[in-house]
Amino acid sequence: MKTLSVINKQRLHRIAIPEFQKIAKIVIEEILGLELYNISVAFLNPKCMAEINMKHLEHEGPTDVITFDYSSESILEGELLICPSVAEKHSVQHNVSLGNELARYYIHGILHLIGYNDKTPNDGKIMKQKETLILGQLAELFSLEKLVHG
């Protein structure tokens, strides 16, 4: 099974859904070499993201990405919730494109699904290094600026 769904449930940022689906598949299939997956990605507004963050993680306010892992030994399965408004703030702070930041959040979520975590500073450092490596590989294959219209 190779299932990937991407939906934009917010209106502030114009996400190029077909382009995002392309990079999502590149990361899963070409870079990570995964063959069985069922991944859902939803772009949410800050209010909705804050509600989910409080309900499931007991953290206040919107966050960049939340990952729900439903994987089994036979299939990578999960739901990634991404907040483009948070991504935009971080993209300005780090002087990168919004597309670059959205791709990073997607990669971060996928890394959680394959077993990485960022609960300790050391684990966070390892995960960030892997994220940056994959983001660099992806940027060589696809123009990340194409992920957002306008």
Protein backbone atom coordinates (compact mmCIF):
# COMPACT_ATOMS: atom_id res chain seq x y z
CA MET A 1 0.00 0.00 0.00
CA LYS A 2 1.32 3.42 -1.00
CA THR A 3 -1.22 5.98 0.17
CA LEU A 4 -0.52 9.66 0.66
CA SER A 5 -3.17 12.30 1.19
CA VAL A 6 -2.49 16.02 1.56
CA ILE A 7 -5.19 18.54 2.44
CA ASN A 8 -5.09 22.27 3.10
CA LYS A 9 -7.58 23.21 5.83
CA GLN A 10 -6.36 26.77 6.30
CA ARG A 11 -6.75 29.84 4.10
CA LEU A 12 -3.91 32.18 4.99
CA HIS A 13 -1.19 30.39 3.00
CA ARG A 14 -1.67 29.01 -0.50
CA ILE A 15 -0.05 25.58 -0.41
CA ALA A 16 0.73 23.93 -3.76
CA ILE A 17 -0.79 20.56 -2.91
CA PRO A 18 0.40 18.64 -6.03
CA GLU A 19 3.96 19.89 -5.43
CA PHE A 20 3.79 18.98 -1.75
CA GLN A 21 2.61 15.48 -2.69
CA LYS A 22 5.64 15.18 -4.98
CA ILE A 23 8.14 16.08 -2.25
CA ALA A 24 6.33 13.87 0.25
CA LYS A 25 6.74 10.86 -2.05
CA ILE A 26 10.36 11.75 -2.84
CA VAL A 27 11.19 11.76 0.89
CA ILE A 28 9.37 8.51 1.63
CA GLU A 29 10.25 6.49 -1.47
CA GLU A 30 13.48 7.86 -2.94
CA ILE A 31 15.35 9.20 0.07
CA LEU A 32 14.16 6.83 2.83
CA GLY A 33 13.39 3.86 0.55
CA LEU A 34 10.10 2.98 2.23
CA GLU A 35 7.69 0.84 0.23
CA LEU A 36 4.59 0.49 2.40
CA TYR A 37 2.99 3.61 3.80
CA ASN A 38 -0.30 5.31 4.54
CA ILE A 39 0.39 8.96 5.35
CA SER A 40 -2.04 11.82 5.79
CA VAL A 41 -0.85 15.44 5.90
CA ALA A 42 -3.15 18.31 6.88
CA PHE A 43 -2.28 22.01 6.92
CA LEU A 44 -4.15 23.73 9.75
CA ASN A 45 -4.73 27.28 10.94
CA PRO A 46 -3.22 28.37 14.28
CA LYS A 47 -6.53 28.14 16.19
CA CYS A 48 -7.16 24.55 15.16
CA MET A 49 -3.52 23.60 15.77
CA ALA A 50 -3.63 25.15 19.25
CA GLU A 51 -6.79 23.18 20.11
CA ILE A 52 -5.22 19.88 19.01
CA ASN A 53 -1.96 20.74 20.77
CA MET A 54 -3.83 21.33 24.05
CA LYS A 55 -6.12 18.30 23.71
CA HIS A 56 -3.47 15.74 22.81
CA LEU A 57 -0.19 17.13 24.17
CA GLU A 58 -1.43 19.53 26.87
CA HIS A 59 0.70 22.32 25.39
CA GLU A 60 -0.66 25.82 25.01
CA GLY A 61 -0.77 27.59 21.66
CA PRO A 62 -0.16 26.51 18.09
CA THR A 63 2.90 24.47 17.22
CA ASP A 64 4.75 23.71 14.01
CA VAL A 65 3.95 20.02 13.48
CA ILE A 66 2.13 17.30 15.39
CA THR A 67 2.57 13.65 14.44
CA PHE A 68 0.18 10.82 15.22
CA ASP A 69 1.80 7.42 14.70
CA TYR A 70 -0.43 4.48 13.76
CA SER A 71 2.38 2.38 12.29
CA SER A 72 2.71 -1.36 12.63
CA GLU A 73 5.69 -3.56 11.86
CA SER A 74 4.43 -4.00 8.30
CA ILE A 75 3.44 -0.43 7.33
CA LEU A 76 4.44 3.15 8.07
CA GLU A 77 1.19 4.84 8.95
CA GLY A 78 0.48 8.20 10.46
CA GLU A 79 -1.05 11.62 10.40
CA LEU A 80 0.99 14.83 10.21
CA LEU A 81 -0.60 18.14 11.14
CA ILE A 82 1.35 21.20 10.00
CA CYS A 83 0.69 24.86 10.79
CA PRO A 84 1.89 27.12 7.94
CA SER A 85 1.47 30.26 10.10
CA VAL A 86 4.01 28.93 12.61
CA ALA A 87 6.21 27.84 9.69
CA GLU A 88 6.09 31.36 8.25
CA LYS A 89 7.33 32.88 11.54
CA HIS A 90 10.17 30.37 11.74
CA SER A 91 11.07 30.81 8.06
CA VAL A 92 11.55 34.55 8.66
CA GLN A 93 13.62 33.89 11.82
CA HIS A 94 15.87 31.39 9.99
CA ASN A 95 15.96 33.33 6.71
CA VAL A 96 14.63 30.43 4.61
CA SER A 97 11.63 30.12 2.31
CA LEU A 98 8.25 29.07 3.65
CA GLY A 99 8.44 26.05 1.32
CA ASN A 100 11.74 25.05 2.92
CA GLU A 101 10.25 25.28 6.40
CA LEU A 102 7.13 23.30 5.45
CA ALA A 103 9.32 20.57 3.93
CA ARG A 104 11.37 20.49 7.15
CA TYR A 105 8.22 20.00 9.23
CA TYR A 106 7.07 17.18 6.97
CA ILE A 107 10.48 15.50 7.26
CA HIS A 108 10.39 15.99 11.04
CA GLY A 109 7.03 14.22 11.21
CA ILE A 110 8.17 11.35 9.02
CA LEU A 111 11.29 10.92 11.18
CA HIS A 112 9.02 10.57 14.22
CA LEU A 113 7.10 7.86 12.38
CA ILE A 114 10.27 5.88 11.64
CA GLY A 115 11.44 6.02 15.25
CA TYR A 116 13.35 9.25 15.84
CA ASN A 117 12.43 11.40 18.80
CA ASP A 118 13.44 14.74 20.22
CA LYS A 119 12.59 14.28 23.90
CA THR A 120 16.15 14.82 25.12
CA PRO A 121 18.64 17.45 23.90
CA ASN A 122 20.91 14.73 22.46
CA ASP A 123 18.03 12.97 20.68
CA GLY A 124 16.88 16.35 19.39
CA LYS A 125 20.34 17.09 18.03
CA ILE A 126 20.50 13.72 16.24
CA MET A 127 17.02 14.21 14.80
CA LYS A 128 17.80 17.76 13.63
CA GLN A 129 20.96 16.53 11.87
CA LYS A 130 18.98 13.81 10.05
CA GLU A 131 16.28 16.35 9.18
CA THR A 132 18.85 18.74 7.71
CA LEU A 133 20.52 15.94 5.75
CA ILE A 134 17.22 14.82 4.19
CA LEU A 135 16.19 18.43 3.52
CA GLY A 136 19.46 18.97 1.65
CA GLN A 137 18.93 15.81 -0.41
CA LEU A 138 15.38 16.90 -1.19
CA ALA A 139 16.45 20.42 -2.18
CA GLU A 140 18.81 18.89 -4.77
CA LEU A 141 15.87 17.08 -6.36
CA PHE A 142 13.09 19.67 -6.06
CA SER A 143 12.74 23.45 -5.79
CA LEU A 144 11.16 23.90 -2.35
CA GLU A 145 9.97 27.40 -3.19
CA LYS A 146 7.36 25.75 -5.44
CA LEU A 147 5.51 24.40 -2.38
CA VAL A 148 3.75 27.73 -1.77
CA HIS A 149 1.90 29.97 -4.23
CA GLY A 150 2.48 33.71 -4.07
